[in-house]
């Protein structure tokens, strides 16, 4: 698909192109092409985004470890329920409310990872160095500058710092997994780090993990 270059170079190229995915719906409305051609365009953009996300580390940062379990929730949607449109690329793209439990003893910070498990682990949101006394991250905190004091956001799979809402190709629902980690350390990292960098620094420091999942489906237009 990307010619004779290396797979890594191809995915770096895809990451740059993948930034157009969130604009695909608008493009399909205004491109003036036949429906079939527009559908092909959306399919190509979707495949590009999947390739782009493969550069990010996949899965659970606690893989191979045995952290304690904790419960996280959201006032924006229930675990296993549909994610509201206002939190997606079809809406205004607000980040969801996240409610945190009292952490285990020794916790110095929380780390949040949101990714799309149906798109190879496409990273939608990274938030780290969340103070351990945080009990709620309000809806829209990413875009409204209402993050907990001291917390930093990482780089998503579109190579932008902050939250990027669900934007899957229609009509199949995608699963968006939110993983909250309680760490026994603050991460000595600036804002804008990638998931793989967070995973490397957090390794061996995870005390507990909480997981919740939301689903989002885009209608065929």
N, C-alpha and C. Protein backbone atom coordinates (compact mmCIF):
# COMPACT_ATOMS: atom_id res chain seq x y z
N UNK A 1 0.82 -1.21 0.00
CA UNK A 1 0.00 0.00 0.00
C UNK A 1 0.85 1.26 0.00
N UNK A 2 2.05 1.16 0.66
CA UNK A 2 2.90 2.32 0.79
C UNK A 2 4.17 2.21 -0.04
N UNK A 3 4.24 1.29 -0.98
CA UNK A 3 5.40 1.20 -1.85
C UNK A 3 6.48 0.35 -1.25
N UNK A 4 7.73 0.65 -1.62
CA UNK A 4 8.84 -0.21 -1.27
C UNK A 4 9.50 0.15 0.04
N UNK A 5 9.02 1.16 0.75
CA UNK A 5 9.63 1.56 2.02
C UNK A 5 9.38 0.54 3.10
N UNK A 6 10.03 0.75 4.26
CA UNK A 6 9.87 -0.16 5.38
C UNK A 6 8.47 -0.03 5.97
N UNK A 7 7.99 -1.08 6.71
CA UNK A 7 6.69 -0.97 7.36
C UNK A 7 6.62 0.20 8.32
N UNK A 8 7.71 0.44 9.05
CA UNK A 8 7.70 1.55 10.00
C UNK A 8 7.54 2.87 9.29
N UNK A 9 8.26 3.02 8.14
CA UNK A 9 8.14 4.26 7.38
C UNK A 9 6.73 4.41 6.83
N UNK A 10 6.14 3.29 6.39
CA UNK A 10 4.78 3.33 5.86
C UNK A 10 3.79 3.77 6.92
N UNK A 11 3.96 3.28 8.14
CA UNK A 11 3.02 3.65 9.20
C UNK A 11 3.24 5.08 9.66
N UNK A 12 4.47 5.58 9.60
CA UNK A 12 4.68 6.99 9.91
C UNK A 12 3.98 7.86 8.89
N UNK A 13 4.04 7.43 7.62
CA UNK A 13 3.33 8.14 6.56
C UNK A 13 1.83 8.09 6.80
N UNK A 14 1.36 6.91 7.22
CA UNK A 14 -0.07 6.74 7.49
C UNK A 14 -0.53 7.62 8.63
N UNK A 15 0.34 7.80 9.62
CA UNK A 15 -0.04 8.63 10.76
C UNK A 15 -0.33 10.05 10.32
N UNK A 16 0.47 10.54 9.37
CA UNK A 16 0.25 11.91 8.90
C UNK A 16 -1.06 11.99 8.13
N UNK A 17 -1.32 10.99 7.28
CA UNK A 17 -2.56 11.00 6.51
C UNK A 17 -3.77 10.76 7.41
N UNK A 18 -3.58 9.96 8.46
CA UNK A 18 -4.69 9.59 9.33
C UNK A 18 -5.35 10.76 10.01
N UNK A 19 -4.70 11.92 10.03
CA UNK A 19 -5.29 13.09 10.65
C UNK A 19 -6.56 13.53 9.93
N UNK A 20 -6.74 13.07 8.71
CA UNK A 20 -7.95 13.45 7.95
C UNK A 20 -9.16 12.61 8.30
N UNK A 21 -8.97 11.55 9.09
CA UNK A 21 -10.09 10.65 9.37
C UNK A 21 -11.24 11.35 10.06
N UNK A 22 -10.93 12.21 11.03
CA UNK A 22 -12.00 12.87 11.77
C UNK A 22 -12.81 13.81 10.91
N UNK A 23 -12.29 14.18 9.73
CA UNK A 23 -13.00 15.07 8.83
C UNK A 23 -13.71 14.31 7.72
N UNK A 24 -13.66 12.96 7.77
CA UNK A 24 -14.15 12.18 6.65
C UNK A 24 -15.65 12.35 6.42
N UNK A 25 -16.42 12.43 7.51
CA UNK A 25 -17.86 12.56 7.34
C UNK A 25 -18.22 13.84 6.60
N UNK A 26 -17.59 14.94 6.97
CA UNK A 26 -17.85 16.20 6.29
C UNK A 26 -17.43 16.13 4.83
N UNK A 27 -16.30 15.46 4.60
CA UNK A 27 -15.83 15.34 3.22
C UNK A 27 -16.82 14.56 2.37
N UNK A 28 -17.40 13.51 2.96
CA UNK A 28 -18.34 12.69 2.21
C UNK A 28 -19.62 13.46 1.89
N UNK A 29 -19.96 14.42 2.75
CA UNK A 29 -21.17 15.19 2.51
C UNK A 29 -20.98 16.21 1.39
N UNK A 30 -19.73 16.66 1.23
CA UNK A 30 -19.49 17.79 0.34
C UNK A 30 -18.68 17.45 -0.90
N UNK A 31 -18.19 16.22 -1.01
CA UNK A 31 -17.26 15.93 -2.10
C UNK A 31 -17.96 15.90 -3.46
N UNK A 32 -19.27 15.65 -3.49
CA UNK A 32 -20.00 15.66 -4.75
C UNK A 32 -19.76 14.42 -5.59
N UNK A 33 -19.13 13.38 -5.01
CA UNK A 33 -18.88 12.15 -5.75
C UNK A 33 -20.05 11.19 -5.58
N UNK A 34 -20.05 10.16 -6.38
CA UNK A 34 -21.08 9.15 -6.24
C UNK A 34 -20.93 8.43 -4.91
N UNK A 35 -22.05 7.86 -4.42
CA UNK A 35 -22.04 7.18 -3.12
C UNK A 35 -20.95 6.11 -3.06
N UNK A 36 -20.81 5.32 -4.11
CA UNK A 36 -19.83 4.23 -4.09
C UNK A 36 -18.42 4.77 -3.95
N UNK A 37 -18.12 5.86 -4.65
CA UNK A 37 -16.78 6.44 -4.58
C UNK A 37 -16.53 6.99 -3.18
N UNK A 38 -17.54 7.65 -2.60
CA UNK A 38 -17.40 8.18 -1.25
C UNK A 38 -17.18 7.06 -0.24
N UNK A 39 -17.90 5.95 -0.41
CA UNK A 39 -17.72 4.82 0.50
C UNK A 39 -16.30 4.27 0.40
N UNK A 40 -15.76 4.21 -0.83
CA UNK A 40 -14.39 3.76 -0.99
C UNK A 40 -13.42 4.69 -0.29
N UNK A 41 -13.68 6.00 -0.38
CA UNK A 41 -12.81 6.97 0.28
C UNK A 41 -12.80 6.75 1.78
N UNK A 42 -13.97 6.53 2.38
CA UNK A 42 -14.04 6.30 3.81
C UNK A 42 -13.31 5.02 4.19
N UNK A 43 -13.44 3.98 3.37
CA UNK A 43 -12.76 2.72 3.67
C UNK A 43 -11.24 2.90 3.67
N UNK A 44 -10.74 3.65 2.69
CA UNK A 44 -9.29 3.90 2.62
C UNK A 44 -8.82 4.67 3.85
N UNK A 45 -9.56 5.71 4.22
CA UNK A 45 -9.18 6.50 5.39
C UNK A 45 -9.19 5.65 6.65
N UNK A 46 -10.16 4.73 6.76
CA UNK A 46 -10.24 3.87 7.92
C UNK A 46 -9.05 2.93 8.00
N UNK A 47 -8.66 2.36 6.84
CA UNK A 47 -7.52 1.47 6.81
C UNK A 47 -6.24 2.21 7.16
N UNK A 48 -6.13 3.44 6.69
CA UNK A 48 -4.96 4.26 7.00
C UNK A 48 -4.86 4.48 8.50
N UNK A 49 -5.99 4.77 9.13
CA UNK A 49 -5.98 5.03 10.56
C UNK A 49 -5.58 3.79 11.34
N UNK A 50 -6.03 2.61 10.91
CA UNK A 50 -5.65 1.38 11.59
C UNK A 50 -4.16 1.16 11.49
N UNK A 51 -3.58 1.39 10.31
CA UNK A 51 -2.14 1.25 10.14
C UNK A 51 -1.42 2.25 11.02
N UNK A 52 -1.95 3.47 11.07
CA UNK A 52 -1.30 4.52 11.85
C UNK A 52 -1.20 4.13 13.31
N UNK A 53 -2.26 3.53 13.83
CA UNK A 53 -2.27 3.25 15.26
C UNK A 53 -1.32 2.12 15.62
N UNK A 54 -0.86 1.32 14.66
CA UNK A 54 0.01 0.20 14.98
C UNK A 54 1.36 0.63 15.50
N UNK A 55 1.70 1.90 15.32
CA UNK A 55 2.96 2.35 15.88
C UNK A 55 2.85 2.51 17.40
N UNK A 56 1.62 2.59 17.94
CA UNK A 56 1.42 2.74 19.37
C UNK A 56 1.51 1.39 20.05
N UNK A 57 1.99 1.37 21.30
CA UNK A 57 2.00 0.12 22.02
C UNK A 57 0.57 -0.33 22.26
N UNK A 58 0.35 -1.62 22.17
CA UNK A 58 -1.00 -2.14 22.24
C UNK A 58 -1.31 -2.70 23.61
N UNK A 59 -2.59 -2.83 23.88
CA UNK A 59 -3.06 -3.58 25.01
C UNK A 59 -2.80 -2.91 26.35
N UNK A 60 -2.71 -3.78 27.36
CA UNK A 60 -2.69 -3.38 28.76
C UNK A 60 -1.27 -3.07 29.22
N UNK A 61 -1.06 -1.90 29.83
CA UNK A 61 0.25 -1.55 30.35
C UNK A 61 0.66 -2.49 31.47
N UNK A 62 -0.32 -3.15 32.12
CA UNK A 62 -0.03 -4.05 33.22
C UNK A 62 0.18 -5.49 32.76
N UNK A 63 0.26 -5.72 31.46
CA UNK A 63 0.44 -7.08 30.95
C UNK A 63 1.70 -7.71 31.53
N UNK A 64 1.55 -8.94 32.04
CA UNK A 64 2.67 -9.63 32.65
C UNK A 64 2.85 -9.30 34.12
N UNK A 65 2.05 -8.36 34.63
CA UNK A 65 2.09 -8.02 36.05
C UNK A 65 0.79 -8.50 36.69
N UNK A 66 0.67 -8.34 38.00
CA UNK A 66 -0.52 -8.80 38.70
C UNK A 66 -1.00 -7.71 39.66
N UNK A 67 -1.50 -6.59 39.11
CA UNK A 67 -1.96 -5.52 39.99
C UNK A 67 -3.30 -5.86 40.64
N UNK A 68 -3.57 -5.16 41.74
CA UNK A 68 -4.89 -5.30 42.37
C UNK A 68 -5.96 -4.69 41.47
N UNK A 69 -7.21 -5.02 41.74
CA UNK A 69 -8.32 -4.50 40.95
C UNK A 69 -8.95 -3.30 41.65
N UNK A 70 -9.39 -2.32 40.86
CA UNK A 70 -10.14 -1.19 41.40
C UNK A 70 -11.25 -0.86 40.41
N UNK A 71 -12.22 -0.10 40.85
CA UNK A 71 -13.39 0.19 40.02
C UNK A 71 -13.38 1.66 39.60
N UNK A 72 -13.54 1.89 38.30
CA UNK A 72 -13.72 3.24 37.78
C UNK A 72 -15.09 3.31 37.11
N UNK A 73 -15.63 4.52 37.00
CA UNK A 73 -16.94 4.69 36.38
C UNK A 73 -16.99 6.05 35.72
N UNK A 74 -18.13 6.35 35.11
CA UNK A 74 -18.30 7.63 34.42
C UNK A 74 -19.74 8.10 34.54
N UNK A 75 -19.90 9.41 34.75
CA UNK A 75 -21.23 10.00 34.71
C UNK A 75 -21.70 10.23 33.29
N UNK A 76 -20.80 10.06 32.32
CA UNK A 76 -21.14 10.29 30.91
C UNK A 76 -21.83 9.09 30.28
N UNK A 77 -21.49 7.88 30.72
CA UNK A 77 -22.09 6.64 30.20
C UNK A 77 -21.72 5.51 31.15
N UNK A 78 -22.50 4.43 31.09
CA UNK A 78 -22.24 3.28 31.94
C UNK A 78 -21.28 2.30 31.29
N UNK A 79 -20.67 1.47 32.11
CA UNK A 79 -19.77 0.44 31.59
C UNK A 79 -20.51 -0.49 30.65
N UNK A 80 -20.02 -0.63 29.42
CA UNK A 80 -20.66 -1.47 28.42
C UNK A 80 -21.74 -0.78 27.62
N UNK A 81 -22.01 0.50 27.92
CA UNK A 81 -23.08 1.23 27.25
C UNK A 81 -22.54 2.06 26.08
N UNK A 82 -23.43 2.55 25.20
CA UNK A 82 -23.00 3.42 24.11
C UNK A 82 -22.43 4.74 24.64
N UNK A 83 -21.42 5.24 23.96
CA UNK A 83 -20.83 6.53 24.28
C UNK A 83 -21.66 7.62 23.61
N UNK A 84 -22.05 8.66 24.32
CA UNK A 84 -22.88 9.73 23.71
C UNK A 84 -22.16 10.42 22.55
N UNK A 85 -22.96 10.86 21.59
CA UNK A 85 -22.41 11.49 20.39
C UNK A 85 -21.57 12.72 20.71
N UNK A 86 -21.93 13.45 21.76
CA UNK A 86 -21.19 14.67 22.10
C UNK A 86 -19.74 14.40 22.47
N UNK A 87 -19.42 13.15 22.77
CA UNK A 87 -18.04 12.78 23.11
C UNK A 87 -17.26 12.28 21.91
N UNK A 88 -17.90 12.26 20.74
CA UNK A 88 -17.30 11.66 19.54
C UNK A 88 -16.94 12.72 18.52
N UNK A 89 -16.39 12.25 17.38
CA UNK A 89 -16.06 13.16 16.28
C UNK A 89 -17.31 13.65 15.57
N UNK A 90 -18.46 13.01 15.83
CA UNK A 90 -19.72 13.46 15.25
C UNK A 90 -20.35 14.59 16.08
N UNK A 91 -19.85 14.78 17.27
CA UNK A 91 -20.34 15.84 18.15
C UNK A 91 -19.26 16.88 18.37
N UNK A 92 -19.24 17.45 19.57
CA UNK A 92 -18.25 18.49 19.85
C UNK A 92 -16.97 17.92 20.44
N UNK A 93 -16.93 16.61 20.63
CA UNK A 93 -15.68 15.95 21.02
C UNK A 93 -15.26 16.19 22.45
N UNK A 94 -16.21 16.26 23.37
CA UNK A 94 -15.87 16.40 24.78
C UNK A 94 -15.23 15.12 25.31
N UNK A 95 -14.26 15.26 26.18
CA UNK A 95 -13.73 14.09 26.88
C UNK A 95 -14.74 13.66 27.94
N UNK A 96 -14.83 12.35 28.23
CA UNK A 96 -15.84 11.89 29.18
C UNK A 96 -15.49 12.18 30.63
N UNK A 97 -16.51 12.20 31.45
CA UNK A 97 -16.30 12.24 32.90
C UNK A 97 -15.70 10.91 33.33
N UNK A 98 -14.72 10.97 34.22
CA UNK A 98 -14.10 9.76 34.77
C UNK A 98 -14.11 9.88 36.29
N UNK A 99 -14.70 8.88 36.96
CA UNK A 99 -14.76 8.87 38.41
C UNK A 99 -13.79 7.82 38.95
N UNK A 100 -12.94 8.25 39.87
CA UNK A 100 -11.87 7.40 40.39
C UNK A 100 -12.17 6.96 41.82
N UNK A 101 -11.67 5.78 42.20
CA UNK A 101 -11.87 5.31 43.56
C UNK A 101 -10.75 5.81 44.48
N UNK A 102 -10.91 5.55 45.77
CA UNK A 102 -9.79 5.77 46.69
C UNK A 102 -8.68 4.79 46.29
N UNK A 103 -7.46 5.27 46.10
CA UNK A 103 -6.40 4.39 45.62
C UNK A 103 -5.82 3.51 46.73
N UNK A 104 -5.11 2.47 46.35
CA UNK A 104 -4.45 1.63 47.37
C UNK A 104 -3.32 2.39 48.05
N UNK A 105 -2.92 1.95 49.24
CA UNK A 105 -1.82 2.62 49.95
C UNK A 105 -0.55 2.65 49.08
N UNK A 106 0.14 3.76 49.16
CA UNK A 106 1.38 3.90 48.40
C UNK A 106 1.20 4.54 47.04
N UNK A 107 -0.04 4.83 46.65
CA UNK A 107 -0.29 5.43 45.33
C UNK A 107 0.22 6.87 45.31
N UNK A 108 1.00 7.19 44.28
CA UNK A 108 1.52 8.55 44.10
C UNK A 108 0.85 9.26 42.93
N UNK A 109 0.28 8.50 42.00
CA UNK A 109 -0.40 9.12 40.85
C UNK A 109 -1.27 8.09 40.15
N UNK A 110 -2.20 8.60 39.32
CA UNK A 110 -3.00 7.76 38.44
C UNK A 110 -2.56 8.00 37.00
N UNK A 111 -2.79 6.99 36.15
CA UNK A 111 -2.51 7.06 34.72
C UNK A 111 -3.71 6.50 33.98
N UNK A 112 -4.22 7.26 33.00
CA UNK A 112 -5.40 6.84 32.22
C UNK A 112 -5.01 6.61 30.77
N UNK A 113 -5.47 5.49 30.22
CA UNK A 113 -5.29 5.17 28.81
C UNK A 113 -6.65 4.82 28.21
N UNK A 114 -6.99 5.46 27.09
CA UNK A 114 -8.21 5.12 26.34
C UNK A 114 -7.80 4.72 24.94
N UNK A 115 -8.17 3.51 24.53
CA UNK A 115 -7.87 3.11 23.16
C UNK A 115 -9.00 2.30 22.56
N UNK A 116 -8.96 2.17 21.24
CA UNK A 116 -9.97 1.45 20.45
C UNK A 116 -9.42 0.05 20.17
N UNK A 117 -9.95 -0.95 20.86
CA UNK A 117 -9.44 -2.31 20.70
C UNK A 117 -9.84 -2.94 19.38
N UNK A 118 -10.79 -2.33 18.66
CA UNK A 118 -11.20 -2.84 17.36
C UNK A 118 -10.42 -2.19 16.21
N UNK A 119 -9.50 -1.30 16.56
CA UNK A 119 -8.66 -0.64 15.56
C UNK A 119 -7.19 -0.82 15.92
N UNK A 120 -6.85 -2.00 16.41
CA UNK A 120 -5.46 -2.32 16.69
C UNK A 120 -4.86 -1.54 17.84
N UNK A 121 -5.69 -0.97 18.71
CA UNK A 121 -5.17 -0.22 19.84
C UNK A 121 -4.96 1.26 19.55
N UNK A 122 -5.75 1.81 18.64
CA UNK A 122 -5.67 3.24 18.32
C UNK A 122 -5.87 4.04 19.61
N UNK A 123 -4.89 4.87 19.94
CA UNK A 123 -4.91 5.61 21.20
C UNK A 123 -5.73 6.89 21.05
N UNK A 124 -6.74 7.05 21.90
CA UNK A 124 -7.60 8.23 21.87
C UNK A 124 -7.28 9.24 22.97
N UNK A 125 -6.74 8.76 24.08
CA UNK A 125 -6.48 9.68 25.20
C UNK A 125 -5.46 9.07 26.14
N UNK A 126 -4.50 9.88 26.53
CA UNK A 126 -3.52 9.54 27.56
C UNK A 126 -3.50 10.68 28.57
N UNK A 127 -3.63 10.33 29.84
CA UNK A 127 -3.60 11.33 30.90
C UNK A 127 -2.81 10.74 32.06
N UNK A 128 -1.77 11.43 32.49
CA UNK A 128 -0.89 10.86 33.51
C UNK A 128 -0.50 11.91 34.55
N UNK A 129 0.14 11.41 35.63
CA UNK A 129 0.46 12.24 36.80
C UNK A 129 -0.80 12.89 37.38
N UNK A 130 -1.88 12.11 37.37
CA UNK A 130 -3.13 12.54 38.00
C UNK A 130 -2.94 12.40 39.52
N UNK A 131 -3.16 13.46 40.28
CA UNK A 131 -2.95 13.38 41.74
C UNK A 131 -3.78 12.26 42.37
N UNK A 132 -3.23 11.58 43.39
CA UNK A 132 -3.93 10.43 43.98
C UNK A 132 -5.20 10.79 44.73
N UNK A 133 -5.37 12.08 45.08
CA UNK A 133 -6.60 12.46 45.77
C UNK A 133 -7.71 12.86 44.79
N UNK A 134 -7.48 12.71 43.49
CA UNK A 134 -8.50 13.01 42.48
C UNK A 134 -9.60 11.96 42.53
N UNK A 135 -10.85 12.42 42.58
CA UNK A 135 -11.98 11.49 42.59
C UNK A 135 -12.87 11.67 41.36
N UNK A 136 -12.71 12.77 40.64
CA UNK A 136 -13.53 12.98 39.45
C UNK A 136 -12.78 13.87 38.46
N UNK A 137 -12.76 13.43 37.20
CA UNK A 137 -12.26 14.25 36.10
C UNK A 137 -13.50 14.65 35.30
N UNK A 138 -13.88 15.91 35.32
CA UNK A 138 -15.17 16.30 34.75
C UNK A 138 -15.24 16.16 33.23
N UNK A 139 -16.44 16.00 32.73
CA UNK A 139 -16.67 15.91 31.29
C UNK A 139 -16.14 17.18 30.60
N UNK A 140 -15.41 16.99 29.53
CA UNK A 140 -14.86 18.12 28.79
C UNK A 140 -13.57 18.66 29.37
N UNK A 141 -12.98 17.98 30.35
CA UNK A 141 -11.78 18.49 31.01
C UNK A 141 -10.62 18.70 30.05
N UNK A 142 -10.51 17.84 29.05
CA UNK A 142 -9.40 17.93 28.11
C UNK A 142 -9.47 19.20 27.29
N UNK A 143 -10.63 19.50 26.71
CA UNK A 143 -10.76 20.65 25.82
C UNK A 143 -10.98 21.95 26.57
N UNK A 144 -11.45 21.87 27.81
CA UNK A 144 -11.79 23.07 28.57
C UNK A 144 -10.72 23.48 29.58
N UNK A 145 -9.60 22.80 29.56
CA UNK A 145 -8.53 23.15 30.47
C UNK A 145 -8.87 22.91 31.93
N UNK A 146 -9.66 21.86 32.19
CA UNK A 146 -10.10 21.57 33.55
C UNK A 146 -9.51 20.27 34.08
N UNK A 147 -8.29 19.95 33.66
CA UNK A 147 -7.63 18.75 34.13
C UNK A 147 -7.20 18.93 35.58
N UNK A 148 -7.03 17.83 36.31
CA UNK A 148 -6.52 17.95 37.69
C UNK A 148 -5.16 18.65 37.70
N UNK A 149 -4.92 19.43 38.72
CA UNK A 149 -3.66 20.17 38.83
C UNK A 149 -2.47 19.22 38.79
N UNK A 150 -1.53 19.49 37.90
CA UNK A 150 -0.33 18.67 37.80
C UNK A 150 -0.42 17.55 36.78
N UNK A 151 -1.63 17.24 36.31
CA UNK A 151 -1.80 16.17 35.34
C UNK A 151 -1.34 16.62 33.95
N UNK A 152 -0.88 15.68 33.14
CA UNK A 152 -0.41 15.97 31.78
C UNK A 152 -1.06 15.02 30.80
N UNK A 153 -1.33 15.51 29.59
CA UNK A 153 -1.89 14.68 28.54
C UNK A 153 -0.81 14.24 27.57
N UNK A 154 -0.97 13.00 27.05
CA UNK A 154 -0.03 12.48 26.09
C UNK A 154 -0.52 12.62 24.66
N UNK A 155 0.24 12.07 23.75
CA UNK A 155 -0.04 12.17 22.32
C UNK A 155 -0.92 11.00 21.89
N UNK A 156 -2.03 11.30 21.23
CA UNK A 156 -2.89 10.24 20.71
C UNK A 156 -2.36 9.73 19.36
N UNK A 157 -3.09 8.80 18.75
CA UNK A 157 -2.60 8.20 17.51
C UNK A 157 -2.71 9.11 16.30
N UNK A 158 -3.30 10.28 16.45
CA UNK A 158 -3.29 11.29 15.39
C UNK A 158 -2.12 12.26 15.57
N UNK A 159 -1.24 11.91 16.54
CA UNK A 159 -0.08 12.75 16.84
C UNK A 159 -0.48 14.14 17.34
N UNK A 160 -1.58 14.16 18.08
CA UNK A 160 -2.02 15.39 18.71
C UNK A 160 -2.15 15.14 20.21
N UNK A 161 -1.76 16.12 20.99
CA UNK A 161 -1.86 15.99 22.44
C UNK A 161 -3.30 16.25 22.88
N UNK A 162 -3.82 15.36 23.72
CA UNK A 162 -5.17 15.53 24.24
C UNK A 162 -6.12 14.44 23.78
N UNK A 163 -7.38 14.69 24.02
CA UNK A 163 -8.44 13.71 23.73
C UNK A 163 -8.91 13.80 22.29
N UNK A 164 -9.11 12.62 21.67
CA UNK A 164 -9.74 12.52 20.35
C UNK A 164 -10.89 11.54 20.47
N UNK A 165 -12.11 11.99 20.20
CA UNK A 165 -13.30 11.18 20.41
C UNK A 165 -13.44 10.02 19.44
N UNK A 166 -14.29 9.05 19.78
CA UNK A 166 -14.54 7.90 18.90
C UNK A 166 -14.95 8.35 17.51
N UNK A 167 -14.40 7.66 16.50
CA UNK A 167 -14.68 8.03 15.11
C UNK A 167 -14.51 6.81 14.21
N UNK A 168 -15.21 5.70 14.53
CA UNK A 168 -15.01 4.46 13.76
C UNK A 168 -15.71 4.51 12.41
N UNK A 169 -15.26 3.68 11.46
CA UNK A 169 -15.99 3.59 10.20
C UNK A 169 -17.34 2.91 10.44
N UNK A 170 -18.41 3.38 9.80
CA UNK A 170 -19.71 2.74 9.98
C UNK A 170 -19.76 1.42 9.23
N UNK A 171 -20.69 0.51 9.58
CA UNK A 171 -21.70 0.66 10.63
C UNK A 171 -21.39 -0.18 11.87
N UNK A 172 -20.19 -0.77 11.94
CA UNK A 172 -19.86 -1.69 13.03
C UNK A 172 -19.47 -0.93 14.30
N UNK A 173 -20.03 -1.29 15.46
CA UNK A 173 -19.63 -0.62 16.71
C UNK A 173 -18.19 -0.97 17.09
N UNK A 174 -17.50 0.00 17.63
CA UNK A 174 -16.15 -0.22 18.15
C UNK A 174 -16.18 -0.11 19.68
N UNK A 175 -15.24 -0.83 20.31
CA UNK A 175 -15.13 -0.86 21.76
C UNK A 175 -13.99 0.06 22.21
N UNK A 176 -14.31 0.98 23.09
CA UNK A 176 -13.33 1.93 23.60
C UNK A 176 -13.06 1.60 25.07
N UNK A 177 -11.84 1.16 25.33
CA UNK A 177 -11.47 0.68 26.66
C UNK A 177 -10.71 1.77 27.41
N UNK A 178 -11.20 2.05 28.61
CA UNK A 178 -10.56 3.02 29.51
C UNK A 178 -9.87 2.21 30.62
N UNK A 179 -8.57 2.39 30.73
CA UNK A 179 -7.81 1.71 31.78
C UNK A 179 -7.18 2.76 32.69
N UNK A 180 -7.49 2.67 33.97
CA UNK A 180 -6.92 3.57 34.96
C UNK A 180 -5.95 2.77 35.82
N UNK A 181 -4.74 3.27 35.94
CA UNK A 181 -3.70 2.61 36.72
C UNK A 181 -3.33 3.46 37.93
N UNK A 182 -3.22 2.83 39.08
CA UNK A 182 -2.68 3.47 40.27
C UNK A 182 -1.19 3.13 40.33
N UNK A 183 -0.35 4.15 40.38
CA UNK A 183 1.10 3.97 40.35
C UNK A 183 1.73 4.37 41.68
N UNK A 184 2.85 3.74 42.00
CA UNK A 184 3.57 4.11 43.22
C UNK A 184 4.62 5.17 42.95
N UNK A 185 4.44 5.90 41.83
CA UNK A 185 5.41 6.94 41.47
C UNK A 185 4.73 7.97 40.59
N UNK A 186 5.29 9.18 40.57
CA UNK A 186 4.95 10.16 39.55
C UNK A 186 5.87 9.93 38.37
N UNK A 187 5.35 10.04 37.16
CA UNK A 187 6.16 9.80 35.98
C UNK A 187 6.95 11.06 35.63
N UNK A 188 8.24 10.92 35.56
CA UNK A 188 9.10 12.06 35.26
C UNK A 188 9.13 12.29 33.75
N UNK A 189 7.98 12.71 33.24
CA UNK A 189 7.81 12.89 31.80
C UNK A 189 7.05 14.20 31.54
N UNK A 190 7.39 14.88 30.46
CA UNK A 190 6.64 16.08 30.09
C UNK A 190 5.33 15.71 29.40
N UNK A 191 4.48 16.69 29.13
CA UNK A 191 3.27 16.46 28.35
C UNK A 191 3.64 16.07 26.93
N UNK A 192 2.73 15.34 26.26
CA UNK A 192 2.93 15.00 24.86
C UNK A 192 3.64 13.68 24.62
N UNK A 193 3.80 12.84 25.64
CA UNK A 193 4.47 11.56 25.45
C UNK A 193 3.54 10.53 24.80
N UNK A 194 4.12 9.52 24.15
CA UNK A 194 3.36 8.45 23.52
C UNK A 194 3.09 7.32 24.52
N UNK A 195 2.16 6.46 24.17
CA UNK A 195 1.79 5.35 25.05
C UNK A 195 2.98 4.43 25.32
N UNK A 196 3.78 4.17 24.32
CA UNK A 196 4.91 3.25 24.52
C UNK A 196 5.91 3.82 25.51
N UNK A 197 6.07 5.15 25.52
CA UNK A 197 6.98 5.77 26.48
C UNK A 197 6.42 5.70 27.89
N UNK A 198 5.10 5.91 28.01
CA UNK A 198 4.45 5.78 29.31
C UNK A 198 4.57 4.35 29.83
N UNK A 199 4.38 3.38 28.93
CA UNK A 199 4.44 1.98 29.33
C UNK A 199 5.82 1.63 29.86
N UNK A 200 6.86 2.13 29.21
CA UNK A 200 8.22 1.83 29.64
C UNK A 200 8.52 2.40 31.02
N UNK A 201 8.08 3.63 31.27
CA UNK A 201 8.37 4.28 32.55
C UNK A 201 7.48 3.72 33.67
N UNK A 202 6.24 3.34 33.34
CA UNK A 202 5.31 2.85 34.35
C UNK A 202 5.57 1.39 34.74
N UNK A 203 6.34 0.69 33.94
CA UNK A 203 6.57 -0.73 34.21
C UNK A 203 7.16 -0.93 35.61
N UNK A 204 6.56 -1.84 36.36
CA UNK A 204 7.03 -2.14 37.70
C UNK A 204 6.48 -1.21 38.77
N UNK A 205 5.65 -0.23 38.37
CA UNK A 205 5.11 0.74 39.33
C UNK A 205 3.59 0.66 39.46
N UNK A 206 2.95 -0.30 38.79
CA UNK A 206 1.49 -0.39 38.79
C UNK A 206 1.00 -1.17 40.02
N UNK A 207 0.22 -0.48 40.86
CA UNK A 207 -0.32 -1.11 42.06
C UNK A 207 -1.70 -1.70 41.84
N UNK A 208 -2.52 -1.01 41.03
CA UNK A 208 -3.90 -1.44 40.80
C UNK A 208 -4.36 -0.95 39.44
N UNK A 209 -5.39 -1.62 38.93
CA UNK A 209 -5.92 -1.28 37.61
C UNK A 209 -7.44 -1.36 37.62
N UNK A 210 -8.08 -0.37 37.00
CA UNK A 210 -9.52 -0.39 36.81
C UNK A 210 -9.87 -0.24 35.34
N UNK A 211 -10.89 -0.95 34.87
CA UNK A 211 -11.22 -0.97 33.45
C UNK A 211 -12.71 -0.72 33.25
N UNK A 212 -13.03 0.10 32.27
CA UNK A 212 -14.42 0.23 31.82
C UNK A 212 -14.42 0.38 30.30
N UNK A 213 -15.54 0.04 29.68
CA UNK A 213 -15.64 0.02 28.22
C UNK A 213 -16.89 0.76 27.77
N UNK A 214 -16.74 1.53 26.69
CA UNK A 214 -17.88 2.17 26.04
C UNK A 214 -17.90 1.79 24.58
N UNK A 215 -19.07 1.81 23.95
CA UNK A 215 -19.21 1.47 22.55
C UNK A 215 -19.68 2.68 21.76
N UNK A 216 -19.21 2.76 20.52
CA UNK A 216 -19.69 3.83 19.65
C UNK A 216 -19.86 3.30 18.24
N UNK A 217 -20.99 3.67 17.62
CA UNK A 217 -21.32 3.28 16.25
C UNK A 217 -21.67 4.51 15.45
N UNK A 218 -21.14 4.58 14.24
CA UNK A 218 -21.50 5.68 13.34
C UNK A 218 -22.47 5.15 12.28
N UNK A 219 -23.49 5.93 12.00
CA UNK A 219 -24.47 5.52 11.03
C UNK A 219 -23.95 5.72 9.62
N UNK A 220 -24.38 4.88 8.71
CA UNK A 220 -24.05 5.04 7.30
C UNK A 220 -24.86 6.21 6.75
N UNK A 221 -24.20 7.14 6.09
CA UNK A 221 -24.90 8.33 5.56
C UNK A 221 -24.87 8.33 4.03
